[in-house]
Every structure is written in structure tokens, then in C-alpha cells.
Amino acid sequence: MAIARNPDLLNYQYTYTQELADRPTLVLIHGLMGDLNNLGMIGRHFADRFNILRVDLINHGHSFYRNEMDYYQMANDVLKVVDTLGIKEIIPVGHSMGGKVAMRIAFDYAARCRGLVVLDMAPVIYGKRGHDDIFYAINQVIAKDCQTREECREVLKANLDNVGVINFLLKSFTTEETHKFLFNAPVLEKEYDHIGIWEESVFDGPAAFIHGGDSPYVDEQRQQAIPRQFPKSKLYCVEGATHWLHAEQPKTVFAYMENFFASAGLLNSFADVVTI
């Protein structure tokens, strides 16, 4: 039996405390093939200072499926949840593809965004397809009709040599969908080139770009695109971290975010300031 999905609204989890109602809500947005649990450690860390909204993007997690994907639609999907919950002001926080969704939200809904945090993603067209080997491995899992997580693991291990990626994919394995994962793998593969598209604009609010020092996603060339589109941005580097910087060095990511929030006036107390 397939998973029941609300056809009108993204799946979400919202943590609300009345005492924090005067602050913007952190909206946590996962990356490609992820779900709302991926940034859970960020939500838990900041739950005493902000209300937290986590979403499953279209074709991911327990959200509805659609045959097309673009950042305008994905940003609108997230804002529909925000509006449904009556949230007035937000700070989008996105990792990887979710970082591009967060940036698109800041462009299109600037009046609602008090700030922006992007984890290991630049506002550029990346061009080269970087996940074809992963899609091939996923398609092998589908073709072999794996019925258990262990069967899935063995097929992935036979086709991928990155243990971290294998474990990440296994989190989404399910026999409740014919394509074997919570994310809609066939559509993600079909729409991959659209996911790589980027259209520049300008967000004049405070923005933090936090990237892994060992990640290729935000190299020196791509960094040049950031101030052009985000003139009030701050750039932070997590030395020794890869694309999964928030999982590898969460304390450093937390400290950078706290520093940014305080410097941008998004926290009420000087006690919240962290010196980097």
C-alpha cells in the first residue's frame, strides 16, 4: 500500500512556543533525496530561541508528488505551509538543493524573510550532472525489487563506494512505494537538469552562506556570485568539512549561525552572541 500523501500541502513538522512568537520562524529545508529529519539537529539546537518549521519538499519524504520541479514552485509550496500556519516572518535555512529553495524564497518573498541561511550551496548553475551514479544504484534497487533494508544495502554497496551516501539513501528506503524510496526517484532523475537551473535575482536582507572547506560546491569561483545577489551576505567556512558539514561539525555550524543571527539583530539578548 502506497503512503498516504496530502495532495494540497507539503508534509511538515512545526514546533511552536508562544514565548517565541515575537521572533521569526526558522524554516528548515533539506536537500536532494532527503527529508525533514535531515536538519533536525539544527531545529533541536535552536528550539529555545526560535519556533521551528521543517518541511518535506515536493517529491520527497511524505509530501505529495508532482511530475515537474522548479525552484519557483518549490518556494511557493513552502510558503503555502507558512501561510497555512499563520506565520508572518521567517528565516529560511536550506542545505544543498534546499539552499536554492531557501534563496528562491528570499528572492520571491523578501518582505517575509528577516534573514537567510544557506548551507554548502552557491547561487549558480552547476551544469555537470553529479548524481548519475547514485541514480544508477537506485534504479538497480528498483529493478531487483528489494524487499528489505539489508537487500537494499547490498545492492547499493555493489554500485556505490561511498558509505555515507549509502547510509543516507537507506534512511529513505521503503517497500510502500514501487520505486522503493520515500523520494520520487524517477521524477528526480527526469527533472535533474531543471534542479540544476538557476536564475539570478537580489535579496537585500541579511544572509549567511556556510560552506565546507573540503566541499567543491562553494569554491572561490562560485563564491563570487554570492555578493552580487546577496549584497549583505556573510561567508563562513567550516574547515575540514565536506558537503555534509552540519552532520560532520554541527557545533561549528551552530556557532556560525548564532554569530550571524546576533550580528543581524535576529536574537534579543547579548547573551546569545557567540564570538568566532
C-alpha atoms as a PDB file:
ATOM      1  CA  MET A   1       0.000   0.000   0.000  1.00  0.00           C
ATOM      2  CA  ALA A   2       1.422   3.384  -1.004  1.00  0.00           C
ATOM      3  CA  ILE A   3       1.974   6.068   1.608  1.00  0.00           C
ATOM      4  CA  ALA A   4      -0.940   8.478   2.041  1.00  0.00           C
ATOM      5  CA  ARG A   5       0.113  11.959   0.966  1.00  0.00           C
ATOM      6  CA  ASN A   6      -1.818  15.235   1.276  1.00  0.00           C
ATOM      7  CA  PRO A   7      -2.257  16.364  -2.361  1.00  0.00           C
ATOM      8  CA  ASP A   8      -2.545  20.041  -1.411  1.00  0.00           C
ATOM      9  CA  LEU A   9       0.113  20.724   1.222  1.00  0.00           C
ATOM     10  CA  LEU A  10       3.677  19.654   1.916  1.00  0.00           C
ATOM     11  CA  ASN A  11       4.258  17.341   4.850  1.00  0.00           C
ATOM     12  CA  TYR A  12       5.670  19.336   7.758  1.00  0.00           C
ATOM     13  CA  GLN A  13       6.520  19.407  11.449  1.00  0.00           C
ATOM     14  CA  TYR A  14       6.022  22.641  13.386  1.00  0.00           C
ATOM     15  CA  THR A  15       7.349  23.327  16.875  1.00  0.00           C
ATOM     16  CA  TYR A  16       5.717  26.427  18.362  1.00  0.00           C
ATOM     17  CA  THR A  17       6.098  28.194  21.704  1.00  0.00           C
ATOM     18  CA  GLN A  18       4.130  31.339  22.467  1.00  0.00           C
ATOM     19  CA  GLU A  19       7.108  32.875  24.277  1.00  0.00           C
ATOM     20  CA  LEU A  20       8.997  32.927  20.956  1.00  0.00           C
ATOM     21  CA  ALA A  21       6.170  34.434  18.926  1.00  0.00           C
ATOM     22  CA  ASP A  22       7.996  37.774  18.573  1.00  0.00           C
ATOM     23  CA  ARG A  23      10.850  36.150  16.638  1.00  0.00           C
ATOM     24  CA  PRO A  24      10.823  34.904  13.046  1.00  0.00           C
ATOM     25  CA  THR A  25      10.338  31.181  12.496  1.00  0.00           C
ATOM     26  CA  LEU A  26      13.262  29.106  11.249  1.00  0.00           C
ATOM     27  CA  VAL A  27      12.129  27.166   8.151  1.00  0.00           C
ATOM     28  CA  LEU A  28      14.455  24.181   7.669  1.00  0.00           C
ATOM     29  CA  ILE A  29      14.697  22.844   4.106  1.00  0.00           C
ATOM     30  CA  HIS A  30      16.516  19.616   3.234  1.00  0.00           C
ATOM     31  CA  GLY A  31      18.470  18.750   0.089  1.00  0.00           C
ATOM     32  CA  LEU A  32      18.080  16.314  -2.797  1.00  0.00           C
ATOM     33  CA  MET A  33      16.833  12.836  -1.758  1.00  0.00           C
ATOM     34  CA  GLY A  34      16.468  13.983   1.848  1.00  0.00           C
ATOM     35  CA  ASP A  35      13.536  14.713   4.139  1.00  0.00           C
ATOM     36  CA  LEU A  36      12.546  16.921   7.046  1.00  0.00           C
ATOM     37  CA  ASN A  37      14.629  14.894   9.502  1.00  0.00           C
ATOM     38  CA  ASN A  38      17.934  15.859   7.825  1.00  0.00           C
ATOM     39  CA  LEU A  39      18.215  19.232   9.570  1.00  0.00           C
ATOM     40  CA  GLY A  40      16.657  18.009  12.794  1.00  0.00           C
ATOM     41  CA  MET A  41      19.790  18.740  14.838  1.00  0.00           C
ATOM     42  CA  ILE A  42      19.586  22.398  13.825  1.00  0.00           C
ATOM     43  CA  GLY A  43      15.947  22.522  14.856  1.00  0.00           C
ATOM     44  CA  ARG A  44      16.678  20.956  18.235  1.00  0.00           C
ATOM     45  CA  HIS A  45      19.611  23.277  18.894  1.00  0.00           C
ATOM     46  CA  PHE A  46      17.634  26.454  18.195  1.00  0.00           C
ATOM     47  CA  ALA A  47      14.260  25.362  19.614  1.00  0.00           C
ATOM     48  CA  ASP A  48      14.777  27.510  22.715  1.00  0.00           C
ATOM     49  CA  ARG A  49      15.303  30.633  20.606  1.00  0.00           C
ATOM     50  CA  PHE A  50      13.063  30.235  17.565  1.00  0.00           C
ATOM     51  CA  ASN A  51       9.908  28.431  16.570  1.00  0.00           C
ATOM     52  CA  ILE A  52      10.865  25.716  14.081  1.00  0.00           C
ATOM     53  CA  LEU A  53       9.178  24.586  10.860  1.00  0.00           C
ATOM     54  CA  ARG A  54      10.560  21.581   8.959  1.00  0.00           C
ATOM     55  CA  VAL A  55       9.160  20.511   5.595  1.00  0.00           C
ATOM     56  CA  ASP A  56       9.406  17.629   3.147  1.00  0.00           C
ATOM     57  CA  LEU A  57       9.864  19.184  -0.289  1.00  0.00           C
ATOM     58  CA  ILE A  58       7.814  18.084  -3.284  1.00  0.00           C
ATOM     59  CA  ASN A  59       8.693  14.506  -4.375  1.00  0.00           C
ATOM     60  CA  HIS A  60      10.435  13.903  -1.044  1.00  0.00           C
ATOM     61  CA  GLY A  61       9.587  12.327   2.290  1.00  0.00           C
ATOM     62  CA  HIS A  62       5.853  12.148   2.926  1.00  0.00           C
ATOM     63  CA  SER A  63       4.946  15.096   0.683  1.00  0.00           C
ATOM     64  CA  PHE A  64       2.900  14.821  -2.493  1.00  0.00           C
ATOM     65  CA  TYR A  65       4.412  14.027  -5.863  1.00  0.00           C
ATOM     66  CA  ARG A  66       4.483  16.201  -8.981  1.00  0.00           C
ATOM     67  CA  ASN A  67       5.946  15.414 -12.401  1.00  0.00           C
ATOM     68  CA  GLU A  68       7.757  18.748 -12.737  1.00  0.00           C
ATOM     69  CA  MET A  69      10.157  20.508 -10.392  1.00  0.00           C
ATOM     70  CA  ASP A  70      11.455  24.065 -10.400  1.00  0.00           C
ATOM     71  CA  TYR A  71      12.522  26.453  -7.684  1.00  0.00           C
ATOM     72  CA  TYR A  72       9.622  28.856  -8.174  1.00  0.00           C
ATOM     73  CA  GLN A  73       7.139  26.056  -7.488  1.00  0.00           C
ATOM     74  CA  MET A  74       9.145  24.659  -4.583  1.00  0.00           C
ATOM     75  CA  ALA A  75       9.406  28.084  -2.937  1.00  0.00           C
ATOM     76  CA  ASN A  76       5.664  28.581  -3.352  1.00  0.00           C
ATOM     77  CA  ASP A  77       4.988  25.113  -1.870  1.00  0.00           C
ATOM     78  CA  VAL A  78       6.910  26.085   1.278  1.00  0.00           C
ATOM     79  CA  LEU A  79       5.194  29.466   1.589  1.00  0.00           C
ATOM     80  CA  LYS A  80       1.816  27.759   1.337  1.00  0.00           C
ATOM     81  CA  VAL A  81       2.676  25.853   4.534  1.00  0.00           C
ATOM     82  CA  VAL A  82       3.906  29.064   6.167  1.00  0.00           C
ATOM     83  CA  ASP A  83       0.644  30.818   5.301  1.00  0.00           C
ATOM     84  CA  THR A  84      -1.467  27.857   6.414  1.00  0.00           C
ATOM     85  CA  LEU A  85       0.160  28.055   9.845  1.00  0.00           C
ATOM     86  CA  GLY A  86      -0.294  31.832  10.038  1.00  0.00           C
ATOM     87  CA  ILE A  87       3.444  32.517  10.268  1.00  0.00           C
ATOM     88  CA  LYS A  88       4.309  36.128   9.409  1.00  0.00           C
ATOM     89  CA  GLU A  89       8.108  36.296   9.359  1.00  0.00           C
ATOM     90  CA  ILE A  90      10.611  33.573   8.560  1.00  0.00           C
ATOM     91  CA  ILE A  91      14.300  32.779   8.215  1.00  0.00           C
ATOM     92  CA  PRO A  92      14.721  30.090   5.544  1.00  0.00           C
ATOM     93  CA  VAL A  93      17.594  27.690   6.307  1.00  0.00           C
ATOM     94  CA  GLY A  94      18.445  25.340   3.458  1.00  0.00           C
ATOM     95  CA  HIS A  95      21.095  22.731   2.702  1.00  0.00           C
ATOM     96  CA  SER A  96      22.232  21.879  -0.845  1.00  0.00           C
ATOM     97  CA  MET A  97      19.167  21.877  -3.143  1.00  0.00           C
ATOM     98  CA  GLY A  98      17.218  23.130  -0.137  1.00  0.00           C
ATOM     99  CA  GLY A  99      19.621  26.058  -0.052  1.00  0.00           C
ATOM    100  CA  LYS A 100      18.478  27.031  -3.527  1.00  0.00           C
ATOM    101  CA  VAL A 101      14.850  26.734  -2.438  1.00  0.00           C
ATOM    102  CA  ALA A 102      15.669  28.970   0.541  1.00  0.00           C
ATOM    103  CA  MET A 103      17.343  31.535  -1.745  1.00  0.00           C
ATOM    104  CA  ARG A 104      14.356  31.497  -4.108  1.00  0.00           C
ATOM    105  CA  ILE A 105      12.053  32.118  -1.132  1.00  0.00           C
ATOM    106  CA  ALA A 106      14.216  35.094  -0.133  1.00  0.00           C
ATOM    107  CA  PHE A 107      14.016  36.485  -3.682  1.00  0.00           C
ATOM    108  CA  ASP A 108      10.290  35.969  -4.172  1.00  0.00           C
ATOM    109  CA  TYR A 109       9.061  36.658  -0.639  1.00  0.00           C
ATOM    110  CA  ALA A 110      11.642  39.150   0.603  1.00  0.00           C
ATOM    111  CA  ALA A 111       9.123  41.038   2.753  1.00  0.00           C
ATOM    112  CA  ARG A 112       8.531  37.874   4.784  1.00  0.00           C
ATOM    113  CA  CYS A 113      12.218  36.977   5.229  1.00  0.00           C
ATOM    114  CA  ARG A 114      14.116  38.512   8.127  1.00  0.00           C
ATOM    115  CA  GLY A 115      17.239  36.639   7.093  1.00  0.00           C
ATOM    116  CA  LEU A 116      18.588  33.665   5.177  1.00  0.00           C
ATOM    117  CA  VAL A 117      20.998  30.800   5.932  1.00  0.00           C
ATOM    118  CA  VAL A 118      22.415  28.636   3.131  1.00  0.00           C
ATOM    119  CA  LEU A 119      24.462  25.517   3.871  1.00  0.00           C
ATOM    120  CA  ASP A 120      27.005  24.493   1.226  1.00  0.00           C
ATOM    121  CA  MET A 121      25.298  25.807  -1.873  1.00  0.00           C
ATOM    122  CA  ALA A 122      26.039  28.736  -4.186  1.00  0.00           C
ATOM    123  CA  PRO A 123      23.568  30.753  -6.288  1.00  0.00           C
ATOM    124  CA  VAL A 124      24.895  29.425  -9.601  1.00  0.00           C
ATOM    125  CA  ILE A 125      24.169  26.922 -12.352  1.00  0.00           C
ATOM    126  CA  TYR A 126      26.283  23.873 -11.560  1.00  0.00           C
ATOM    127  CA  GLY A 127      25.963  22.365 -15.030  1.00  0.00           C
ATOM    128  CA  LYS A 128      27.561  18.927 -14.777  1.00  0.00           C
ATOM    129  CA  ARG A 129      25.258  16.129 -13.631  1.00  0.00           C
ATOM    130  CA  GLY A 130      26.696  14.999 -10.335  1.00  0.00           C
ATOM    131  CA  HIS A 131      24.364  12.201  -9.240  1.00  0.00           C
ATOM    132  CA  ASP A 132      24.126   9.822 -12.199  1.00  0.00           C
ATOM    133  CA  ASP A 133      25.983   7.087 -10.322  1.00  0.00           C
ATOM    134  CA  ILE A 134      23.526   7.408  -7.440  1.00  0.00           C
ATOM    135  CA  PHE A 135      20.523   7.248  -9.754  1.00  0.00           C
ATOM    136  CA  TYR A 136      22.005   4.147 -11.386  1.00  0.00           C
ATOM    137  CA  ALA A 137      22.331   2.453  -7.980  1.00  0.00           C
ATOM    138  CA  ILE A 138      18.776   3.449  -7.053  1.00  0.00           C
ATOM    139  CA  ASN A 139      17.470   2.051 -10.324  1.00  0.00           C
ATOM    140  CA  GLN A 140      19.196  -1.256  -9.530  1.00  0.00           C
ATOM    141  CA  VAL A 141      17.345  -1.373  -6.199  1.00  0.00           C
ATOM    142  CA  ILE A 142      14.077  -0.780  -8.070  1.00  0.00           C
ATOM    143  CA  ALA A 143      14.869  -3.352 -10.772  1.00  0.00           C
ATOM    144  CA  LYS A 144      15.752  -6.031  -8.214  1.00  0.00           C
ATOM    145  CA  ASP A 145      12.569  -5.256  -6.239  1.00  0.00           C
ATOM    146  CA  CYS A 146      14.401  -5.230  -2.910  1.00  0.00           C
ATOM    147  CA  GLN A 147      12.090  -6.149  -0.041  1.00  0.00           C
ATOM    148  CA  THR A 148      14.308  -5.457   2.954  1.00  0.00           C
ATOM    149  CA  ARG A 149      16.716  -2.738   4.006  1.00  0.00           C
ATOM    150  CA  GLU A 150      19.535  -5.287   4.028  1.00  0.00           C
ATOM    151  CA  GLU A 151      18.811  -6.290   0.425  1.00  0.00           C
ATOM    152  CA  CYS A 152      18.811  -2.623  -0.499  1.00  0.00           C
ATOM    153  CA  ARG A 153      22.118  -2.097   1.295  1.00  0.00           C
ATOM    154  CA  GLU A 154      23.789  -4.920  -0.626  1.00  0.00           C
ATOM    155  CA  VAL A 155      22.632  -3.590  -3.994  1.00  0.00           C
ATOM    156  CA  LEU A 156      23.769  -0.076  -3.127  1.00  0.00           C
ATOM    157  CA  LYS A 157      27.146  -1.371  -1.908  1.00  0.00           C
ATOM    158  CA  ALA A 158      27.627  -3.194  -5.204  1.00  0.00           C
ATOM    159  CA  ASN A 159      27.179   0.061  -7.112  1.00  0.00           C
ATOM    160  CA  LEU A 160      28.447   2.813  -4.793  1.00  0.00           C
ATOM    161  CA  ASP A 161      31.663   3.094  -2.789  1.00  0.00           C
ATOM    162  CA  ASN A 162      30.633   5.994  -0.521  1.00  0.00           C
ATOM    163  CA  VAL A 163      29.394   4.604   2.804  1.00  0.00           C
ATOM    164  CA  GLY A 164      27.950   7.966   3.814  1.00  0.00           C
ATOM    165  CA  VAL A 165      25.823   8.172   0.678  1.00  0.00           C
ATOM    166  CA  ILE A 166      24.689   4.550   1.093  1.00  0.00           C
ATOM    167  CA  ASN A 167      23.575   5.172   4.676  1.00  0.00           C
ATOM    168  CA  PHE A 168      21.847   8.399   3.632  1.00  0.00           C
ATOM    169  CA  LEU A 169      19.839   6.603   0.939  1.00  0.00           C
ATOM    170  CA  LEU A 170      18.938   3.762   3.289  1.00  0.00           C
ATOM    171  CA  LYS A 171      17.113   6.219   5.555  1.00  0.00           C
ATOM    172  CA  SER A 172      14.541   6.652   2.784  1.00  0.00           C
ATOM    173  CA  PHE A 173      14.148   3.007   1.791  1.00  0.00           C
ATOM    174  CA  THR A 174      10.544   1.787   1.880  1.00  0.00           C
ATOM    175  CA  THR A 175       8.557  -1.086   0.402  1.00  0.00           C
ATOM    176  CA  GLU A 176       5.406   1.066   0.442  1.00  0.00           C
ATOM    177  CA  GLU A 177       6.350   2.653  -2.888  1.00  0.00           C
ATOM    178  CA  THR A 178       7.111   0.788  -6.116  1.00  0.00           C
ATOM    179  CA  HIS A 179      10.236   2.922  -6.573  1.00  0.00           C
ATOM    180  CA  LYS A 180      11.496   1.751  -3.135  1.00  0.00           C
ATOM    181  CA  PHE A 181      12.316   5.146  -1.616  1.00  0.00           C
ATOM    182  CA  LEU A 182      10.336   7.911   0.051  1.00  0.00           C
ATOM    183  CA  PHE A 183      11.668  10.326  -2.557  1.00  0.00           C
ATOM    184  CA  ASN A 184      10.269  10.029  -6.079  1.00  0.00           C
ATOM    185  CA  ALA A 185      13.445   8.783  -7.756  1.00  0.00           C
ATOM    186  CA  PRO A 186      12.083   8.539 -11.336  1.00  0.00           C
ATOM    187  CA  VAL A 187      10.930  12.166 -11.330  1.00  0.00           C
ATOM    188  CA  LEU A 188      14.079  13.420  -9.593  1.00  0.00           C
ATOM    189  CA  GLU A 189      16.174  11.799 -12.299  1.00  0.00           C
ATOM    190  CA  LYS A 190      13.941  13.147 -15.060  1.00  0.00           C
ATOM    191  CA  GLU A 191      13.903  16.660 -13.620  1.00  0.00           C
ATOM    192  CA  TYR A 192      17.558  16.721 -12.573  1.00  0.00           C
ATOM    193  CA  ASP A 193      18.552  19.285 -15.206  1.00  0.00           C
ATOM    194  CA  HIS A 194      15.755  21.602 -14.066  1.00  0.00           C
ATOM    195  CA  ILE A 195      17.011  21.254 -10.493  1.00  0.00           C
ATOM    196  CA  GLY A 196      20.382  22.475 -11.744  1.00  0.00           C
ATOM    197  CA  ILE A 197      18.901  25.619 -13.318  1.00  0.00           C
ATOM    198  CA  TRP A 198      19.378  28.935 -11.514  1.00  0.00           C
ATOM    199  CA  GLU A 199      18.006  32.400 -12.281  1.00  0.00           C
ATOM    200  CA  GLU A 200      19.693  35.307 -10.541  1.00  0.00           C
ATOM    201  CA  SER A 201      17.912  37.991  -8.555  1.00  0.00           C
ATOM    202  CA  VAL A 202      18.752  40.105  -5.493  1.00  0.00           C
ATOM    203  CA  PHE A 203      17.883  39.724  -1.802  1.00  0.00           C
ATOM    204  CA  ASP A 204      18.909  42.784   0.179  1.00  0.00           C
ATOM    205  CA  GLY A 205      18.397  41.287   3.621  1.00  0.00           C
ATOM    206  CA  PRO A 206      20.993  39.648   5.887  1.00  0.00           C
ATOM    207  CA  ALA A 207      22.241  36.295   4.610  1.00  0.00           C
ATOM    208  CA  ALA A 208      24.766  33.716   5.814  1.00  0.00           C
ATOM    209  CA  PHE A 209      26.488  31.284   3.472  1.00  0.00           C
ATOM    210  CA  ILE A 210      28.183  28.493   5.430  1.00  0.00           C
ATOM    211  CA  HIS A 211      30.234  26.043   3.396  1.00  0.00           C
ATOM    212  CA  GLY A 212      32.516  23.075   3.932  1.00  0.00           C
ATOM    213  CA  GLY A 213      36.208  23.772   3.433  1.00  0.00           C
ATOM    214  CA  ASP A 214      36.634  20.406   1.684  1.00  0.00           C
ATOM    215  CA  SER A 215      33.433  20.656  -0.354  1.00  0.00           C
ATOM    216  CA  PRO A 216      33.535  21.544  -4.068  1.00  0.00           C
ATOM    217  CA  TYR A 217      30.114  23.195  -4.020  1.00  0.00           C
ATOM    218  CA  VAL A 218      31.210  26.675  -2.899  1.00  0.00           C
ATOM    219  CA  ASP A 219      34.694  27.124  -4.336  1.00  0.00           C
ATOM    220  CA  GLU A 220      36.360  30.520  -4.874  1.00  0.00           C
ATOM    221  CA  GLN A 221      34.863  30.993  -8.333  1.00  0.00           C
ATOM    222  CA  ARG A 222      31.307  30.253  -7.188  1.00  0.00           C
ATOM    223  CA  GLN A 223      31.718  32.457  -4.124  1.00  0.00           C
ATOM    224  CA  GLN A 224      31.932  35.445  -6.461  1.00  0.00           C
ATOM    225  CA  ALA A 225      28.242  35.043  -7.335  1.00  0.00           C
ATOM    226  CA  ILE A 226      27.127  35.463  -3.726  1.00  0.00           C
ATOM    227  CA  PRO A 227      27.629  39.216  -3.048  1.00  0.00           C
ATOM    228  CA  ARG A 228      26.163  40.093  -6.447  1.00  0.00           C
ATOM    229  CA  GLN A 229      22.827  38.519  -5.456  1.00  0.00           C
ATOM    230  CA  PHE A 230      23.110  38.860  -1.669  1.00  0.00           C
ATOM    231  CA  PRO A 231      24.880  42.183  -1.026  1.00  0.00           C
ATOM    232  CA  LYS A 232      24.511  41.922   2.772  1.00  0.00           C
ATOM    233  CA  SER A 233      25.778  38.347   2.992  1.00  0.00           C
ATOM    234  CA  LYS A 234      28.432  36.901   5.291  1.00  0.00           C
ATOM    235  CA  LEU A 235      30.542  33.914   4.239  1.00  0.00           C
ATOM    236  CA  TYR A 236      31.641  31.280   6.759  1.00  0.00           C
ATOM    237  CA  CYS A 237      33.932  28.321   6.099  1.00  0.00           C
ATOM    238  CA  VAL A 238      33.839  25.122   8.172  1.00  0.00           C
ATOM    239  CA  GLU A 239      37.405  23.915   7.789  1.00  0.00           C
ATOM    240  CA  GLY A 240      37.800  20.192   7.172  1.00  0.00           C
ATOM    241  CA  ALA A 241      34.097  19.651   6.454  1.00  0.00           C
ATOM    242  CA  THR A 242      32.552  18.293   3.249  1.00  0.00           C
ATOM    243  CA  HIS A 243      29.103  18.868   1.755  1.00  0.00           C
ATOM    244  CA  TRP A 244      27.571  17.295   4.881  1.00  0.00           C
ATOM    245  CA  LEU A 245      29.057  19.977   7.152  1.00  0.00           C
ATOM    246  CA  HIS A 246      26.077  20.140   9.527  1.00  0.00           C
ATOM    247  CA  ALA A 247      26.393  16.402  10.284  1.00  0.00           C
ATOM    248  CA  GLU A 248      30.194  16.386  10.465  1.00  0.00           C
ATOM    249  CA  GLN A 249      30.773  19.548  12.512  1.00  0.00           C
ATOM    250  CA  PRO A 250      27.422  20.613  13.972  1.00  0.00           C
ATOM    251  CA  LYS A 251      28.920  22.703  16.793  1.00  0.00           C
ATOM    252  CA  THR A 252      30.812  24.879  14.328  1.00  0.00           C
ATOM    253  CA  VAL A 253      27.727  25.308  12.139  1.00  0.00           C
ATOM    254  CA  PHE A 254      25.657  26.204  15.213  1.00  0.00           C
ATOM    255  CA  ALA A 255      28.256  28.751  16.318  1.00  0.00           C
ATOM    256  CA  TYR A 256      28.346  30.395  12.883  1.00  0.00           C
ATOM    257  CA  MET A 257      24.558  30.562  12.757  1.00  0.00           C
ATOM    258  CA  GLU A 258      24.406  32.061  16.250  1.00  0.00           C
ATOM    259  CA  ASN A 259      27.020  34.643  15.322  1.00  0.00           C
ATOM    260  CA  PHE A 260      25.070  35.553  12.199  1.00  0.00           C
ATOM    261  CA  PHE A 261      21.713  35.765  13.983  1.00  0.00           C
ATOM    262  CA  ALA A 262      23.180  38.011  16.671  1.00  0.00           C
ATOM    263  CA  SER A 263      25.044  40.289  14.246  1.00  0.00           C
ATOM    264  CA  ALA A 264      21.886  40.648  12.140  1.00  0.00           C
ATOM    265  CA  GLY A 265      19.788  41.583  15.176  1.00  0.00           C
ATOM    266  CA  LEU A 266      17.703  38.429  14.999  1.00  0.00           C
ATOM    267  CA  LEU A 267      18.282  37.480  18.642  1.00  0.00           C
ATOM    268  CA  ASN A 268      17.078  39.612  21.517  1.00  0.00           C
ATOM    269  CA  SER A 269      19.827  39.074  24.064  1.00  0.00           C
ATOM    270  CA  PHE A 270      23.530  39.852  24.010  1.00  0.00           C
ATOM    271  CA  ALA A 271      23.930  36.560  25.850  1.00  0.00           C
ATOM    272  CA  ASP A 272      23.126  34.833  22.562  1.00  0.00           C
ATOM    273  CA  VAL A 273      26.169  36.301  20.824  1.00  0.00           C
ATOM    274  CA  VAL A 274      28.889  33.777  20.017  1.00  0.00           C
ATOM    275  CA  THR A 275      32.356  35.039  19.149  1.00  0.00           C
ATOM    276  CA  ILE A 276      34.001  33.279  16.234  1.00  0.00           C
END
